[in-house]
């Protein structure tokens, strides 16, 4: 088994500590149902838009749903008069965590859809000019030319659509509110960089920076379980309890290797 260390930041991902207050649980269920309805409505309307708009629409809807999680946390907190102070801190944090974990499950579906629209042409090979040291990436062409690409790296279209989302409690309304024109690609010209002729196959490879790599994995780990005002109070409660109980660990069983019998 592999032990996973538990701290105040990930404790609420693994343990439910909220009570069974019916009023609070109902407000949580209502928020989750609304979130799920918005996602379903979006999926149903997506086919109406043109292919170039679909990609921009999915990216903007993802940003909208990210913000909606924070707004849901605030509504549940205000509806139930959460203060995240005193003896009720752990219970209130537990209810918000219960809400957030369910919303993150819906957001996971949105991000899975988003992944299909992300460009698959990530930077996979960089080379350094032997004359001036400029680092190049090759998106098209042969192994000898040092000309600029003939089109933008992301060549879906020359415009990027902007959209407005409004949920009225039953329906999700999507309106296209405009487009931003992208800069056109520069015409392919010689003399870029130092202007000397290069041969791609003879240039020294350069290690790709981590931020250039496109990791095709869907995760919601970046979404905070608790809103900002609840994190410090819960951390203090957790650390106080931990002083009495000691470190908490969760044992994760390792997968067994399956071998075929001969």
Protein backbone atom coordinates (compact mmCIF):
# COMPACT_ATOMS: atom_id res chain seq x y z
CA UNK A 1 0.00 0.00 0.00
CA UNK A 2 1.01 3.61 -0.57
CA UNK A 3 0.23 6.12 2.18
CA UNK A 4 -1.29 9.44 1.16
CA UNK A 5 -0.57 12.22 3.64
CA UNK A 6 -3.63 14.23 4.70
CA UNK A 7 -3.53 17.93 5.47
CA UNK A 8 -6.02 20.75 5.90
CA UNK A 9 -6.08 21.39 2.15
CA UNK A 10 -7.01 17.88 1.01
CA UNK A 11 -8.82 16.50 4.08
CA UNK A 12 -12.24 17.57 2.81
CA UNK A 13 -11.66 15.77 -0.50
CA UNK A 14 -11.63 12.43 1.29
CA UNK A 15 -13.83 12.88 4.39
CA UNK A 16 -17.38 14.16 4.87
CA UNK A 17 -17.76 15.92 8.21
CA UNK A 18 -20.98 17.91 7.74
CA UNK A 19 -24.08 17.20 9.79
CA UNK A 20 -27.55 16.28 8.45
CA UNK A 21 -29.17 19.70 8.70
CA UNK A 22 -32.03 19.41 6.18
CA UNK A 23 -32.15 23.11 5.33
CA UNK A 24 -28.46 23.22 4.48
CA UNK A 25 -28.56 19.94 2.55
CA UNK A 26 -31.48 21.22 0.48
CA UNK A 27 -29.62 24.41 -0.44
CA UNK A 28 -26.66 22.26 -1.51
CA UNK A 29 -28.89 19.97 -3.59
CA UNK A 30 -30.49 22.98 -5.29
CA UNK A 31 -27.10 24.39 -6.27
CA UNK A 32 -25.88 21.05 -7.62
CA UNK A 33 -29.10 20.57 -9.59
CA UNK A 34 -28.76 24.05 -11.10
CA UNK A 35 -25.14 23.40 -12.03
CA UNK A 36 -26.03 20.10 -13.65
CA UNK A 37 -28.94 21.71 -15.54
CA UNK A 38 -26.67 24.41 -16.93
CA UNK A 39 -24.20 21.83 -18.18
CA UNK A 40 -26.93 19.70 -19.77
CA UNK A 41 -28.51 22.74 -21.43
CA UNK A 42 -25.15 23.81 -22.81
CA UNK A 43 -24.50 20.36 -24.31
CA UNK A 44 -27.92 20.46 -25.97
CA UNK A 45 -27.34 23.88 -27.52
CA UNK A 46 -23.74 23.41 -28.62
CA UNK A 47 -24.67 21.84 -31.96
CA UNK A 48 -26.54 25.01 -32.99
CA UNK A 49 -23.33 27.01 -33.37
CA UNK A 50 -20.91 26.94 -36.28
CA UNK A 51 -17.70 24.88 -35.96
CA UNK A 52 -15.43 27.93 -35.49
CA UNK A 53 -17.74 29.29 -32.78
CA UNK A 54 -18.00 25.96 -30.96
CA UNK A 55 -14.39 25.95 -29.83
CA UNK A 56 -14.54 29.53 -28.52
CA UNK A 57 -17.92 28.83 -26.91
CA UNK A 58 -16.65 25.78 -25.03
CA UNK A 59 -13.67 27.72 -23.66
CA UNK A 60 -15.89 30.60 -22.50
CA UNK A 61 -18.46 28.24 -20.96
CA UNK A 62 -15.67 26.56 -19.01
CA UNK A 63 -14.64 29.94 -17.58
CA UNK A 64 -18.29 30.67 -16.76
CA UNK A 65 -18.69 27.36 -14.89
CA UNK A 66 -15.45 27.91 -12.99
CA UNK A 67 -16.80 31.21 -11.69
CA UNK A 68 -20.20 29.60 -11.01
CA UNK A 69 -18.61 27.29 -8.43
CA UNK A 70 -17.40 30.25 -6.40
CA UNK A 71 -20.82 31.91 -6.68
CA UNK A 72 -22.52 28.71 -5.47
CA UNK A 73 -20.22 28.57 -2.46
CA UNK A 74 -21.13 32.16 -1.61
CA UNK A 75 -24.89 31.58 -1.99
CA UNK A 76 -24.91 28.52 0.27
CA UNK A 77 -22.82 30.38 2.84
CA UNK A 78 -25.12 33.42 2.81
CA UNK A 79 -28.36 31.39 2.73
CA UNK A 80 -27.32 29.45 5.81
CA UNK A 81 -25.55 32.32 7.62
CA UNK A 82 -22.19 30.60 7.67
CA UNK A 83 -19.52 32.57 9.51
CA UNK A 84 -16.75 29.93 9.64
CA UNK A 85 -16.11 30.98 13.23
CA UNK A 86 -16.29 29.18 16.55
CA UNK A 87 -17.57 25.65 17.12
CA UNK A 88 -19.49 25.54 13.84
CA UNK A 89 -16.44 26.06 11.63
CA UNK A 90 -15.78 22.40 10.79
CA UNK A 91 -19.44 21.66 10.09
CA UNK A 92 -19.88 24.71 7.87
CA UNK A 93 -16.68 23.92 5.97
CA UNK A 94 -17.89 20.33 5.60
CA UNK A 95 -21.13 21.46 3.94
CA UNK A 96 -19.28 23.74 1.52
CA UNK A 97 -16.86 20.91 0.73
CA UNK A 98 -19.80 18.57 0.09
CA UNK A 99 -21.18 21.16 -2.34
CA UNK A 100 -17.87 21.79 -4.08
CA UNK A 101 -17.00 18.13 -4.55
CA UNK A 102 -20.31 17.57 -6.35
CA UNK A 103 -19.86 20.66 -8.52
CA UNK A 104 -16.35 19.55 -9.41
CA UNK A 105 -17.78 16.28 -10.74
CA UNK A 106 -19.88 18.29 -13.22
CA UNK A 107 -16.94 20.55 -14.04
CA UNK A 108 -14.94 17.42 -14.84
CA UNK A 109 -17.43 16.68 -17.64
CA UNK A 110 -17.06 20.23 -18.95
CA UNK A 111 -13.27 19.90 -18.98
CA UNK A 112 -13.50 16.56 -20.73
CA UNK A 113 -15.46 18.30 -23.49
CA UNK A 114 -12.96 21.16 -23.47
CA UNK A 115 -10.08 18.77 -24.00
CA UNK A 116 -11.55 17.70 -27.33
CA UNK A 117 -11.37 21.30 -28.57
CA UNK A 118 -7.85 22.02 -27.46
CA UNK A 119 -5.30 22.17 -30.22
CA UNK A 120 -3.45 18.90 -30.67
CA UNK A 121 -0.50 20.59 -32.33
CA UNK A 122 1.59 21.23 -29.26
CA UNK A 123 5.22 22.26 -29.49
CA UNK A 124 7.17 19.02 -29.56
CA UNK A 125 10.53 20.00 -31.03
CA UNK A 126 12.69 23.09 -30.56
CA UNK A 127 16.06 23.78 -32.19
CA UNK A 128 18.70 26.50 -31.68
CA UNK A 129 20.19 28.54 -34.53
CA UNK A 130 23.93 27.79 -34.72
CA UNK A 131 24.67 31.39 -35.72
CA UNK A 132 22.66 33.67 -33.40
CA UNK A 133 21.24 31.28 -30.81
CA UNK A 134 17.59 32.03 -31.56
CA UNK A 135 15.31 29.10 -30.67
CA UNK A 136 12.97 27.88 -33.40
CA UNK A 137 9.92 25.62 -33.55
CA UNK A 138 8.90 24.03 -36.85
CA UNK A 139 5.17 23.86 -37.54
CA UNK A 140 5.32 23.31 -41.27
CA UNK A 141 7.68 23.07 -44.21
CA UNK A 142 10.86 21.14 -44.91
CA UNK A 143 14.03 20.69 -42.83
CA UNK A 144 15.96 23.48 -44.48
CA UNK A 145 13.88 26.67 -44.59
CA UNK A 146 14.06 29.40 -41.96
CA UNK A 147 10.92 31.17 -43.15
CA UNK A 148 7.95 32.03 -40.98
CA UNK A 149 4.84 29.81 -41.11
CA UNK A 150 2.28 30.72 -43.74
CA UNK A 151 -0.61 30.63 -41.20
CA UNK A 152 -1.20 31.13 -37.50
CA UNK A 153 -0.28 28.26 -35.21
CA UNK A 154 -3.92 28.03 -34.11
CA UNK A 155 -5.61 28.38 -37.49
CA UNK A 156 -9.26 27.67 -36.66
CA UNK A 157 -10.28 31.12 -37.85
CA UNK A 158 -9.16 34.73 -37.91
CA UNK A 159 -11.68 35.76 -35.23
CA UNK A 160 -12.45 34.68 -31.68
CA UNK A 161 -16.08 34.70 -30.62
CA UNK A 162 -17.25 36.20 -27.31
CA UNK A 163 -20.38 34.92 -25.58
CA UNK A 164 -22.68 35.83 -22.70
CA UNK A 165 -24.35 33.20 -20.48
CA UNK A 166 -27.45 33.72 -18.37
CA UNK A 167 -29.28 31.09 -16.37
CA UNK A 168 -32.85 32.06 -15.39
CA UNK A 169 -33.42 29.14 -13.04
CA UNK A 170 -34.72 26.83 -15.75
CA UNK A 171 -32.95 27.63 -19.01
CA UNK A 172 -29.42 28.59 -19.98
CA UNK A 173 -29.44 31.49 -22.43
CA UNK A 174 -26.39 31.80 -24.67
CA UNK A 175 -25.82 34.96 -26.69
CA UNK A 176 -22.94 35.78 -28.99
CA UNK A 177 -21.97 39.35 -28.13
CA UNK A 178 -19.16 39.91 -30.59
CA UNK A 179 -15.89 38.75 -32.07
CA UNK A 180 -12.30 39.75 -31.58
CA UNK A 181 -10.19 39.77 -34.72
CA UNK A 182 -6.94 37.90 -34.41
CA UNK A 183 -3.72 39.30 -35.84
CA UNK A 184 -3.18 37.88 -39.33
CA UNK A 185 -0.08 35.76 -39.86
CA UNK A 186 3.00 37.50 -41.14
CA UNK A 187 3.87 36.68 -44.71
CA UNK A 188 6.68 34.17 -45.08
CA UNK A 189 9.85 36.15 -45.57
CA UNK A 190 13.53 35.37 -45.46
CA UNK A 191 15.95 36.86 -42.98
CA UNK A 192 14.03 36.16 -39.79
CA UNK A 193 16.43 36.17 -36.84
CA UNK A 194 20.01 36.67 -37.99
CA UNK A 195 18.95 36.08 -41.59
CA UNK A 196 21.35 33.21 -42.25
CA UNK A 197 20.23 30.01 -43.93
CA UNK A 198 19.53 27.16 -41.50
CA UNK A 199 19.08 23.43 -41.88
CA UNK A 200 16.64 22.03 -39.35
CA UNK A 201 18.16 18.56 -39.18
CA UNK A 202 21.58 20.04 -38.35
CA UNK A 203 20.42 22.35 -35.54
CA UNK A 204 20.98 21.48 -31.88
CA UNK A 205 17.79 20.35 -30.04
CA UNK A 206 16.60 22.51 -27.13
CA UNK A 207 14.79 21.17 -24.08
CA UNK A 208 11.12 22.15 -24.14
CA UNK A 209 10.07 24.34 -21.17
CA UNK A 210 7.40 22.67 -18.99
CA UNK A 211 4.91 25.47 -19.70
CA UNK A 212 5.05 24.61 -23.42
CA UNK A 213 3.93 21.03 -22.87
CA UNK A 214 0.24 20.20 -23.34
CA UNK A 215 -0.70 17.58 -20.76
CA UNK A 216 -3.79 15.80 -22.00
CA UNK A 217 -5.28 14.89 -18.65
CA UNK A 218 -8.54 16.06 -17.15
CA UNK A 219 -8.41 17.16 -13.52
CA UNK A 220 -10.23 19.54 -11.19
CA UNK A 221 -7.53 19.60 -8.51
CA UNK A 222 -6.98 23.32 -9.10
CA UNK A 223 -10.50 24.16 -7.89
CA UNK A 224 -10.45 25.19 -4.23
CA UNK A 225 -12.69 23.11 -1.97
CA UNK A 226 -13.39 26.10 0.28
CA UNK A 227 -13.82 29.80 -0.49
CA UNK A 228 -11.08 32.14 0.69
CA UNK A 229 -12.83 33.25 3.87
CA UNK A 230 -13.18 29.65 5.11
CA UNK A 231 -9.68 28.29 4.47
CA UNK A 232 -7.79 29.87 7.37
CA UNK A 233 -10.48 29.15 9.99
CA UNK A 234 -10.72 25.51 8.91
CA UNK A 235 -6.94 25.16 8.84
CA UNK A 236 -6.77 26.33 12.46
CA UNK A 237 -9.44 23.83 13.50
CA UNK A 238 -7.72 21.03 11.61
CA UNK A 239 -4.31 21.79 13.10
CA UNK A 240 -5.82 21.91 16.58
CA UNK A 241 -7.35 18.45 16.14
CA UNK A 242 -4.19 17.10 14.53
CA UNK A 243 -2.15 18.04 17.59
CA UNK A 244 -4.27 15.61 19.60
CA UNK A 245 -4.61 12.82 17.02
CA UNK A 246 -1.27 13.06 15.26
CA UNK A 247 -0.68 12.90 11.47
CA UNK A 248 -3.49 11.42 9.35
CA UNK A 249 -2.72 9.14 6.42
CA UNK A 250 -4.88 7.25 3.94
CA UNK A 251 -3.59 3.91 2.68
CA UNK A 252 -4.02 3.48 -1.05
CA UNK A 253 -3.74 -0.12 -2.27
CA UNK A 254 -1.33 -0.56 -5.15
CA UNK A 255 -2.58 -2.21 -8.29
CA UNK A 256 -1.50 -5.79 -8.70
CA UNK A 257 0.40 -6.68 -11.82
CA UNK A 258 -1.51 -9.16 -13.95
CA UNK A 259 0.55 -11.71 -15.78
CA UNK A 260 -0.74 -14.12 -18.35
CA UNK A 261 -0.30 -17.77 -17.44
CA UNK A 262 1.52 -19.78 -20.02
